């Protein structure tokens, strides 16, 4: 796994400030002087510091990651949906994980099991199967927006429905 070449502890040693002060400076806390913030931020930039995303997720109890499960990425409709959702996610500071079910109910369930481990904050599933009351939905602690594909629904209508559902889910997470 790739990690930043420099840690908060390393920046602390280089700057002469405590790890706590370094963390506060990098997070823009007001109780740190602007001179200290500037010094610490310059060291961080110079050494390509990247915050440890896993540590942040644990501390904040939020991964800032969303998931979407689509039947097939190669379908231009789903590719277009994913593109728009990812752009919207980035604007709000979220990452997007994309899963393909390949039109298989078994693979949909496998995808849901994979993301029910705390690695994402919410998910959207686009499926051509009816949502039943299977244990995968009942026992899932994750907010899931389920969108059933209808044979009578146009691709444009499906895209609009998914985008609206996604934005609604993201707004609930943000508020």
Protein backbone atom coordinates (compact mmCIF):
# COMPACT_ATOMS: atom_id res chain seq x y z
CA UNK A 1 0.00 0.00 0.00
CA UNK A 2 1.33 3.44 -0.94
CA UNK A 3 1.78 5.86 1.92
CA UNK A 4 3.13 9.36 2.09
CA UNK A 5 6.88 9.51 2.48
CA UNK A 6 6.50 11.84 5.45
CA UNK A 7 4.35 11.56 8.56
CA UNK A 8 3.06 14.06 11.10
CA UNK A 9 5.80 12.84 13.45
CA UNK A 10 8.46 13.53 10.80
CA UNK A 11 7.07 17.02 10.19
CA UNK A 12 7.09 17.51 13.96
CA UNK A 13 10.79 16.65 14.12
CA UNK A 14 11.65 18.86 11.14
CA UNK A 15 9.66 21.83 12.41
CA UNK A 16 10.49 21.54 16.10
CA UNK A 17 6.80 21.59 17.03
CA UNK A 18 4.76 18.83 18.68
CA UNK A 19 2.73 16.37 16.62
CA UNK A 20 -0.41 17.98 18.03
CA UNK A 21 0.69 21.45 16.88
CA UNK A 22 1.59 20.08 13.43
CA UNK A 23 -1.82 18.43 13.12
CA UNK A 24 -3.62 21.60 14.18
CA UNK A 25 -1.56 23.72 11.78
CA UNK A 26 -2.27 21.43 8.83
CA UNK A 27 -5.97 21.45 9.70
CA UNK A 28 -6.08 25.24 9.89
CA UNK A 29 -7.00 25.49 13.59
CA UNK A 30 -7.24 29.05 14.88
CA UNK A 31 -5.19 28.50 18.03
CA UNK A 32 -1.99 28.16 15.96
CA UNK A 33 -0.24 31.33 14.78
CA UNK A 34 -0.21 32.04 11.06
CA UNK A 35 3.61 32.06 11.10
CA UNK A 36 3.69 28.54 12.59
CA UNK A 37 1.01 27.32 10.17
CA UNK A 38 2.97 28.67 7.22
CA UNK A 39 6.22 27.04 8.36
CA UNK A 40 4.56 23.66 8.94
CA UNK A 41 2.57 23.78 5.70
CA UNK A 42 5.73 24.63 3.74
CA UNK A 43 7.51 21.59 5.22
CA UNK A 44 4.48 19.43 4.37
CA UNK A 45 4.40 20.67 0.76
CA UNK A 46 8.15 20.34 0.35
CA UNK A 47 7.99 16.69 1.45
CA UNK A 48 4.74 15.83 -0.40
CA UNK A 49 2.81 15.14 2.80
CA UNK A 50 -0.49 13.32 2.26
CA UNK A 51 -2.82 12.77 5.23
CA UNK A 52 -3.36 9.14 6.24
CA UNK A 53 -6.87 8.58 4.91
CA UNK A 54 -7.45 5.47 7.04
CA UNK A 55 -6.54 7.29 10.23
CA UNK A 56 -8.82 10.21 9.33
CA UNK A 57 -11.69 7.82 8.63
CA UNK A 58 -11.30 6.14 11.99
CA UNK A 59 -11.09 9.42 13.88
CA UNK A 60 -14.02 11.06 12.13
CA UNK A 61 -16.11 7.87 11.82
CA UNK A 62 -16.67 8.80 8.18
CA UNK A 63 -14.83 7.50 5.13
CA UNK A 64 -15.86 10.25 2.71
CA UNK A 65 -16.28 7.40 0.22
CA UNK A 66 -19.42 6.44 -1.68
CA UNK A 67 -20.09 3.35 -3.74
CA UNK A 68 -22.13 2.72 -6.84
CA UNK A 69 -23.02 -0.72 -8.13
CA UNK A 70 -23.96 -0.80 -11.80
CA UNK A 71 -24.74 -3.70 -14.10
CA UNK A 72 -21.91 -2.93 -16.54
CA UNK A 73 -19.50 -0.01 -16.93
CA UNK A 74 -19.09 -0.61 -20.66
CA UNK A 75 -22.72 0.43 -21.21
CA UNK A 76 -22.51 4.09 -22.22
CA UNK A 77 -25.51 4.99 -20.05
CA UNK A 78 -23.83 3.70 -16.88
CA UNK A 79 -20.50 5.20 -17.89
CA UNK A 80 -22.18 8.58 -18.26
CA UNK A 81 -23.92 8.19 -14.88
CA UNK A 82 -20.65 7.25 -13.17
CA UNK A 83 -18.84 10.20 -14.75
CA UNK A 84 -21.42 12.69 -13.53
CA UNK A 85 -21.63 11.16 -10.06
CA UNK A 86 -17.86 11.11 -9.67
CA UNK A 87 -17.59 14.76 -10.66
CA UNK A 88 -20.27 15.69 -8.12
CA UNK A 89 -18.57 13.54 -5.46
CA UNK A 90 -15.21 15.22 -5.98
CA UNK A 91 -16.79 18.67 -5.64
CA UNK A 92 -18.04 17.65 -2.19
CA UNK A 93 -14.81 16.00 -1.03
CA UNK A 94 -15.93 12.40 -1.54
CA UNK A 95 -14.34 9.51 -3.38
CA UNK A 96 -16.34 7.05 -5.44
CA UNK A 97 -15.91 3.29 -5.60
CA UNK A 98 -17.44 1.62 -8.64
CA UNK A 99 -18.59 -1.99 -8.72
CA UNK A 100 -20.05 -4.02 -11.58
CA UNK A 101 -22.65 -6.72 -11.04
CA UNK A 102 -22.63 -7.97 -14.65
CA UNK A 103 -26.41 -8.33 -14.41
CA UNK A 104 -26.01 -11.01 -11.71
CA UNK A 105 -28.02 -10.93 -8.51
CA UNK A 106 -25.35 -13.04 -6.81
CA UNK A 107 -22.66 -10.51 -7.74
CA UNK A 108 -24.87 -7.65 -6.50
CA UNK A 109 -25.11 -9.35 -3.12
CA UNK A 110 -21.35 -9.95 -3.12
CA UNK A 111 -20.74 -6.24 -3.83
CA UNK A 112 -23.04 -5.26 -0.95
CA UNK A 113 -21.23 -7.62 1.40
CA UNK A 114 -17.89 -6.13 0.33
CA UNK A 115 -18.94 -2.57 1.13
CA UNK A 116 -20.75 -3.36 4.37
CA UNK A 117 -17.42 -3.37 6.20
CA UNK A 118 -17.31 0.33 7.02
CA UNK A 119 -15.30 1.24 3.93
CA UNK A 120 -18.03 3.48 2.47
CA UNK A 121 -20.59 5.88 3.90
CA UNK A 122 -23.43 5.11 1.48
CA UNK A 123 -24.18 3.28 -1.74
CA UNK A 124 -26.39 3.34 -4.80
CA UNK A 125 -27.31 0.11 -6.51
CA UNK A 126 -28.74 0.07 -10.02
CA UNK A 127 -30.30 -3.33 -10.60
CA UNK A 128 -32.53 -5.17 -12.98
CA UNK A 129 -33.75 -7.42 -10.14
CA UNK A 130 -36.60 -6.69 -7.76
CA UNK A 131 -35.42 -5.75 -4.30
CA UNK A 132 -36.58 -8.49 -1.99
CA UNK A 133 -36.38 -8.73 1.75
CA UNK A 134 -33.25 -10.85 1.67
CA UNK A 135 -30.93 -10.67 4.63
CA UNK A 136 -28.38 -8.70 2.62
CA UNK A 137 -30.75 -5.71 2.67
CA UNK A 138 -32.24 -6.26 6.12
CA UNK A 139 -28.90 -6.76 7.89
CA UNK A 140 -27.04 -4.05 6.00
CA UNK A 141 -26.17 -1.05 8.21
CA UNK A 142 -25.18 1.01 5.20
CA UNK A 143 -27.60 3.52 3.65
CA UNK A 144 -28.39 2.07 0.21
CA UNK A 145 -30.35 3.81 -2.48
CA UNK A 146 -31.84 1.00 -4.58
CA UNK A 147 -32.85 1.83 -8.15
CA UNK A 148 -34.58 -0.86 -10.13
CA UNK A 149 -34.13 -0.80 -13.89
CA UNK A 150 -37.37 -1.00 -15.80
CA UNK A 151 -37.50 -2.34 -19.35
CA UNK A 152 -39.90 0.50 -20.16
CA UNK A 153 -37.67 3.23 -18.76
CA UNK A 154 -35.56 5.31 -21.12
CA UNK A 155 -31.83 5.63 -20.48
CA UNK A 156 -32.28 9.39 -20.06
CA UNK A 157 -34.97 8.84 -17.42
CA UNK A 158 -32.79 6.28 -15.62
CA UNK A 159 -29.83 8.67 -15.59
CA UNK A 160 -31.97 11.49 -14.17
CA UNK A 161 -33.37 9.18 -11.48
CA UNK A 162 -29.91 7.97 -10.44
CA UNK A 163 -28.43 11.49 -10.33
CA UNK A 164 -31.34 12.79 -8.23
CA UNK A 165 -31.06 9.82 -5.84
CA UNK A 166 -27.32 10.25 -5.56
CA UNK A 167 -27.52 13.96 -4.80
CA UNK A 168 -30.22 13.29 -2.20
CA UNK A 169 -28.05 10.62 -0.53
CA UNK A 170 -24.98 12.86 -0.53
CA UNK A 171 -26.90 15.80 0.94
CA UNK A 172 -28.12 13.55 3.77
CA UNK A 173 -24.52 12.57 4.54
CA UNK A 174 -23.26 16.13 4.43
CA UNK A 175 -25.97 17.58 6.70
